[in-house]
Amino acid sequence: MVVEMPRQETAPAPEAAPVAVEPASAPTPTPPPPVKPVGGFVQVETAPPSASDSGTGTA
């Protein structure tokens, strides 16, 4: 009977795993967009999207 208890704890674990995969996918597509406006400038990658606009005018 003691073996059945640990099995139940393992069941809920797999359910939580798939949930974490969803949020991880969202941040992945976010980085690609900023790379396009970079225009070959590595500094823009580190700077926020709003800073890229001001940086372009200064450059």
PDB file of N, CA and C in Angstrom:
ATOM      1  N   MET A   1       0.844  -1.206   0.000  1.00  0.00           N
ATOM      2  CA  MET A   1       0.000   0.000   0.000  1.00  0.00           C
ATOM      3  C   MET A   1       0.884   1.264   0.000  1.00  0.00           C
ATOM      4  N   VAL A   2       2.048   1.184   0.645  1.00  0.00           N
ATOM      5  CA  VAL A   2       2.934   2.360   0.703  1.00  0.00           C
ATOM      6  C   VAL A   2       3.401   2.733  -0.704  1.00  0.00           C
ATOM      7  N   VAL A   3       3.502   1.736  -1.586  1.00  0.00           N
ATOM      8  CA  VAL A   3       3.977   2.025  -2.950  1.00  0.00           C
ATOM      9  C   VAL A   3       2.947   2.869  -3.702  1.00  0.00           C
ATOM     10  N   GLU A   4       1.669   2.690  -3.410  1.00  0.00           N
ATOM     11  CA  GLU A   4       0.632   3.448  -4.132  1.00  0.00           C
ATOM     12  C   GLU A   4       0.720   4.947  -3.814  1.00  0.00           C
ATOM     13  N   MET A   5       1.046   5.284  -2.569  1.00  0.00           N
ATOM     14  CA  MET A   5       1.101   6.710  -2.188  1.00  0.00           C
ATOM     15  C   MET A   5       2.128   7.475  -3.032  1.00  0.00           C
ATOM     16  N   PRO A   6       3.366   7.005  -3.130  1.00  0.00           N
ATOM     17  CA  PRO A   6       4.380   7.711  -3.933  1.00  0.00           C
ATOM     18  C   PRO A   6       3.955   7.834  -5.386  1.00  0.00           C
ATOM     19  N   ARG A   7       3.238   6.857  -5.910  1.00  0.00           N
ATOM     20  CA  ARG A   7       2.827   6.922  -7.318  1.00  0.00           C
ATOM     21  C   ARG A   7       1.923   8.124  -7.546  1.00  0.00           C
ATOM     22  N   GLN A   8       1.032   8.386  -6.621  1.00  0.00           N
ATOM     23  CA  GLN A   8       0.107   9.522  -6.783  1.00  0.00           C
ATOM     24  C   GLN A   8       0.903  10.837  -6.866  1.00  0.00           C
ATOM     25  N   GLU A   9       1.941  10.957  -6.051  1.00  0.00           N
ATOM     26  CA  GLU A   9       2.726  12.198  -6.061  1.00  0.00           C
ATOM     27  C   GLU A   9       3.421  12.387  -7.416  1.00  0.00           C
ATOM     28  N   THR A  10       3.815  11.289  -8.036  1.00  0.00           N
ATOM     29  CA  THR A  10       4.504  11.392  -9.328  1.00  0.00           C
ATOM     30  C   THR A  10       3.537  11.792 -10.438  1.00  0.00           C
ATOM     31  N   ALA A  11       2.277  11.417 -10.330  1.00  0.00           N
ATOM     32  CA  ALA A  11       1.281  11.732 -11.370  1.00  0.00           C
ATOM     33  C   ALA A  11       1.126  13.241 -11.546  1.00  0.00           C
ATOM     34  N   PRO A  12       0.922  14.007 -10.480  1.00  0.00           N
ATOM     35  CA  PRO A  12       0.752  15.462 -10.608  1.00  0.00           C
ATOM     36  C   PRO A  12       2.003  16.156 -11.163  1.00  0.00           C
ATOM     37  N   ALA A  13       3.158  15.573 -10.958  1.00  0.00           N
ATOM     38  CA  ALA A  13       4.398  16.195 -11.431  1.00  0.00           C
ATOM     39  C   ALA A  13       4.393  16.365 -12.957  1.00  0.00           C
ATOM     40  N   PRO A  14       4.104  15.325 -13.742  1.00  0.00           N
ATOM     41  CA  PRO A  14       4.085  15.438 -15.213  1.00  0.00           C
ATOM     42  C   PRO A  14       3.105  16.506 -15.679  1.00  0.00           C
ATOM     43  N   GLU A  15       1.992  16.665 -14.990  1.00  0.00           N
ATOM     44  CA  GLU A  15       1.009  17.679 -15.411  1.00  0.00           C
ATOM     45  C   GLU A  15       1.622  19.082 -15.325  1.00  0.00           C
ATOM     46  N   ALA A  16       2.382  19.336 -14.276  1.00  0.00           N
ATOM     47  CA  ALA A  16       2.975  20.666 -14.085  1.00  0.00           C
ATOM     48  C   ALA A  16       4.057  20.913 -15.140  1.00  0.00           C
ATOM     49  N   ALA A  17       4.736  19.870 -15.588  1.00  0.00           N
ATOM     50  CA  ALA A  17       5.809  20.033 -16.570  1.00  0.00           C
ATOM     51  C   ALA A  17       5.285  20.678 -17.862  1.00  0.00           C
ATOM     52  N   PRO A  18       4.234  20.138 -18.473  1.00  0.00           N
ATOM     53  CA  PRO A  18       3.694  20.714 -19.725  1.00  0.00           C
ATOM     54  C   PRO A  18       3.291  22.182 -19.543  1.00  0.00           C
ATOM     55  N   VAL A  19       2.823  22.534 -18.376  1.00  0.00           N
ATOM     56  CA  VAL A  19       2.391  23.930 -18.136  1.00  0.00           C
ATOM     57  C   VAL A  19       3.581  24.883 -18.268  1.00  0.00           C
ATOM     58  N   ALA A  20       4.738  24.465 -17.791  1.00  0.00           N
ATOM     59  CA  ALA A  20       5.920  25.333 -17.851  1.00  0.00           C
ATOM     60  C   ALA A  20       6.410  25.479 -19.291  1.00  0.00           C
ATOM     61  N   VAL A  21       6.123  24.496 -20.128  1.00  0.00           N
ATOM     62  CA  VAL A  21       6.567  24.562 -21.533  1.00  0.00           C
ATOM     63  C   VAL A  21       5.831  25.677 -22.269  1.00  0.00           C
ATOM     64  N   GLU A  22       4.563  25.904 -21.939  1.00  0.00           N
ATOM     65  CA  GLU A  22       3.790  26.950 -22.638  1.00  0.00           C
ATOM     66  C   GLU A  22       4.431  28.333 -22.461  1.00  0.00           C
ATOM     67  N   PRO A  23       4.669  28.786 -21.232  1.00  0.00           N
ATOM     68  CA  PRO A  23       5.280  30.103 -21.007  1.00  0.00           C
ATOM     69  C   PRO A  23       6.671  30.214 -21.643  1.00  0.00           C
ATOM     70  N   ALA A  24       7.397  29.118 -21.670  1.00  0.00           N
ATOM     71  CA  ALA A  24       8.751  29.149 -22.235  1.00  0.00           C
ATOM     72  C   ALA A  24       8.689  29.419 -23.737  1.00  0.00           C
ATOM     73  N   SER A  25       7.654  28.913 -24.417  1.00  0.00           N
ATOM     74  CA  SER A  25       7.536  29.123 -25.866  1.00  0.00           C
ATOM     75  C   SER A  25       7.262  30.597 -26.174  1.00  0.00           C
ATOM     76  N   ALA A  26       6.495  31.262 -25.336  1.00  0.00           N
ATOM     77  CA  ALA A  26       6.141  32.670 -25.580  1.00  0.00           C
ATOM     78  C   ALA A  26       7.395  33.548 -25.658  1.00  0.00           C
ATOM     79  N   PRO A  27       8.292  33.494 -24.661  1.00  0.00           N
ATOM     80  CA  PRO A  27       9.501  34.331 -24.673  1.00  0.00           C
ATOM     81  C   PRO A  27      10.424  34.018 -25.854  1.00  0.00           C
ATOM     82  N   THR A  28      10.366  32.812 -26.377  1.00  0.00           N
ATOM     83  CA  THR A  28      11.259  32.444 -27.486  1.00  0.00           C
ATOM     84  C   THR A  28      10.993  33.298 -28.735  1.00  0.00           C
ATOM     85  N   PRO A  29       9.738  33.452 -29.172  1.00  0.00           N
ATOM     86  CA  PRO A  29       9.436  34.252 -30.369  1.00  0.00           C
ATOM     87  C   PRO A  29       9.715  35.736 -30.157  1.00  0.00           C
ATOM     88  N   THR A  30       9.805  36.177 -28.929  1.00  0.00           N
ATOM     89  CA  THR A  30      10.021  37.612 -28.650  1.00  0.00           C
ATOM     90  C   THR A  30      11.421  38.079 -29.091  1.00  0.00           C
ATOM     91  N   PRO A  31      12.489  37.322 -28.809  1.00  0.00           N
ATOM     92  CA  PRO A  31      13.842  37.750 -29.187  1.00  0.00           C
ATOM     93  C   PRO A  31      14.034  37.951 -30.696  1.00  0.00           C
ATOM     94  N   PRO A  32      13.497  37.085 -31.564  1.00  0.00           N
ATOM     95  CA  PRO A  32      13.695  37.219 -33.017  1.00  0.00           C
ATOM     96  C   PRO A  32      13.286  38.593 -33.557  1.00  0.00           C
ATOM     97  N   PRO A  33      12.126  39.163 -33.193  1.00  0.00           N
ATOM     98  CA  PRO A  33      11.705  40.470 -33.726  1.00  0.00           C
ATOM     99  C   PRO A  33      12.753  41.568 -33.507  1.00  0.00           C
ATOM    100  N   PRO A  34      13.291  41.727 -32.283  1.00  0.00           N
ATOM    101  CA  PRO A  34      14.286  42.777 -32.028  1.00  0.00           C
ATOM    102  C   PRO A  34      15.531  42.626 -32.914  1.00  0.00           C
ATOM    103  N   VAL A  35      15.823  41.434 -33.355  1.00  0.00           N
ATOM    104  CA  VAL A  35      17.036  41.222 -34.167  1.00  0.00           C
ATOM    105  C   VAL A  35      16.880  41.897 -35.529  1.00  0.00           C
ATOM    106  N   LYS A  36      15.675  41.916 -36.110  1.00  0.00           N
ATOM    107  CA  LYS A  36      15.472  42.520 -37.444  1.00  0.00           C
ATOM    108  C   LYS A  36      15.797  44.020 -37.424  1.00  0.00           C
ATOM    109  N   PRO A  37      15.205  44.796 -36.481  1.00  0.00           N
ATOM    110  CA  PRO A  37      15.479  46.238 -36.419  1.00  0.00           C
ATOM    111  C   PRO A  37      16.934  46.544 -36.073  1.00  0.00           C
ATOM    112  N   VAL A  38      17.660  45.550 -35.618  1.00  0.00           N
ATOM    113  CA  VAL A  38      19.063  45.770 -35.223  1.00  0.00           C
ATOM    114  C   VAL A  38      19.834  46.425 -36.379  1.00  0.00           C
ATOM    115  N   GLY A  39      19.575  46.013 -37.599  1.00  0.00           N
ATOM    116  CA  GLY A  39      20.264  46.610 -38.748  1.00  0.00           C
ATOM    117  C   GLY A  39      21.752  46.312 -38.713  1.00  0.00           C
ATOM    118  N   GLY A  40      22.162  45.230 -38.040  1.00  0.00           N
ATOM    119  CA  GLY A  40      23.567  44.873 -37.988  1.00  0.00           C
ATOM    120  C   GLY A  40      24.257  45.479 -36.770  1.00  0.00           C
ATOM    121  N   PHE A  41      23.492  46.197 -35.923  1.00  0.00           N
ATOM    122  CA  PHE A  41      24.089  46.791 -34.714  1.00  0.00           C
ATOM    123  C   PHE A  41      23.895  45.857 -33.529  1.00  0.00           C
ATOM    124  N   VAL A  42      24.987  45.322 -32.973  1.00  0.00           N
ATOM    125  CA  VAL A  42      24.873  44.397 -31.840  1.00  0.00           C
ATOM    126  C   VAL A  42      24.371  45.135 -30.592  1.00  0.00           C
ATOM    127  N   GLN A  43      24.701  46.412 -30.477  1.00  0.00           N
ATOM    128  CA  GLN A  43      24.305  47.190 -29.292  1.00  0.00           C
ATOM    129  C   GLN A  43      22.784  47.242 -29.189  1.00  0.00           C
ATOM    130  N   VAL A  44      22.091  47.338 -30.299  1.00  0.00           N
ATOM    131  CA  VAL A  44      20.619  47.426 -30.281  1.00  0.00           C
ATOM    132  C   VAL A  44      20.032  46.173 -29.640  1.00  0.00           C
ATOM    133  N   GLU A  45      20.700  45.019 -29.841  1.00  0.00           N
ATOM    134  CA  GLU A  45      20.177  43.766 -29.279  1.00  0.00           C
ATOM    135  C   GLU A  45      20.029  43.898 -27.759  1.00  0.00           C
ATOM    136  N   THR A  46      21.028  44.458 -27.098  1.00  0.00           N
ATOM    137  CA  THR A  46      20.986  44.591 -25.635  1.00  0.00           C
ATOM    138  C   THR A  46      20.003  45.682 -25.219  1.00  0.00           C
ATOM    139  N   ALA A  47      19.870  46.722 -26.031  1.00  0.00           N
ATOM    140  CA  ALA A  47      18.979  47.838 -25.674  1.00  0.00           C
ATOM    141  C   ALA A  47      17.522  47.448 -25.933  1.00  0.00           C
ATOM    142  N   PRO A  48      16.575  48.064 -25.219  1.00  0.00           N
ATOM    143  CA  PRO A  48      15.140  47.764 -25.373  1.00  0.00           C
ATOM    144  C   PRO A  48      14.622  48.236 -26.731  1.00  0.00           C
ATOM    145  N   PRO A  49      13.443  47.774 -27.163  1.00  0.00           N
ATOM    146  CA  PRO A  49      12.875  48.154 -28.469  1.00  0.00           C
ATOM    147  C   PRO A  49      12.684  49.670 -28.567  1.00  0.00           C
ATOM    148  N   SER A  50      12.276  50.326 -27.487  1.00  0.00           N
ATOM    149  CA  SER A  50      12.042  51.780 -27.497  1.00  0.00           C
ATOM    150  C   SER A  50      13.370  52.517 -27.725  1.00  0.00           C
ATOM    151  N   ALA A  51      14.469  51.998 -27.176  1.00  0.00           N
ATOM    152  CA  ALA A  51      15.774  52.656 -27.308  1.00  0.00           C
ATOM    153  C   ALA A  51      16.259  52.552 -28.749  1.00  0.00           C
ATOM    154  N   SER A  52      15.879  51.501 -29.471  1.00  0.00           N
ATOM    155  CA  SER A  52      16.333  51.330 -30.854  1.00  0.00           C
ATOM    156  C   SER A  52      15.869  52.525 -31.696  1.00  0.00           C
ATOM    157  N   ASP A  53      14.661  53.036 -31.451  1.00  0.00           N
ATOM    158  CA  ASP A  53      14.154  54.184 -32.221  1.00  0.00           C
ATOM    159  C   ASP A  53      15.056  55.407 -31.990  1.00  0.00           C
ATOM    160  N   SER A  54      15.334  55.709 -30.728  1.00  0.00           N
ATOM    161  CA  SER A  54      16.155  56.886 -30.405  1.00  0.00           C
ATOM    162  C   SER A  54      17.585  56.662 -30.912  1.00  0.00           C
ATOM    163  N   GLY A  55      18.096  55.445 -30.758  1.00  0.00           N
ATOM    164  CA  GLY A  55      19.462  55.153 -31.192  1.00  0.00           C
ATOM    165  C   GLY A  55      19.609  55.348 -32.693  1.00  0.00           C
ATOM    166  N   THR A  56      18.588  54.974 -33.476  1.00  0.00           N
ATOM    167  CA  THR A  56      18.674  55.131 -34.934  1.00  0.00           C
ATOM    168  C   THR A  56      18.827  56.604 -35.295  1.00  0.00           C
ATOM    169  N   GLY A  57      18.079  57.497 -34.644  1.00  0.00           N
ATOM    170  CA  GLY A  57      18.149  58.932 -34.944  1.00  0.00           C
ATOM    171  C   GLY A  57      19.522  59.487 -34.574  1.00  0.00           C
ATOM    172  N   THR A  58      20.071  59.048 -33.444  1.00  0.00           N
ATOM    173  CA  THR A  58      21.376  59.553 -33.012  1.00  0.00           C
ATOM    174  C   THR A  58      22.479  59.065 -33.953  1.00  0.00           C
ATOM    175  N   ALA A  59      22.342  57.818 -34.418  1.00  0.00           N
ATOM    176  CA  ALA A  59      23.366  57.252 -35.291  1.00  0.00           C
ATOM    177  C   ALA A  59      23.372  58.029 -36.600  1.00  0.00           C
TER     178      ALA A  59
END
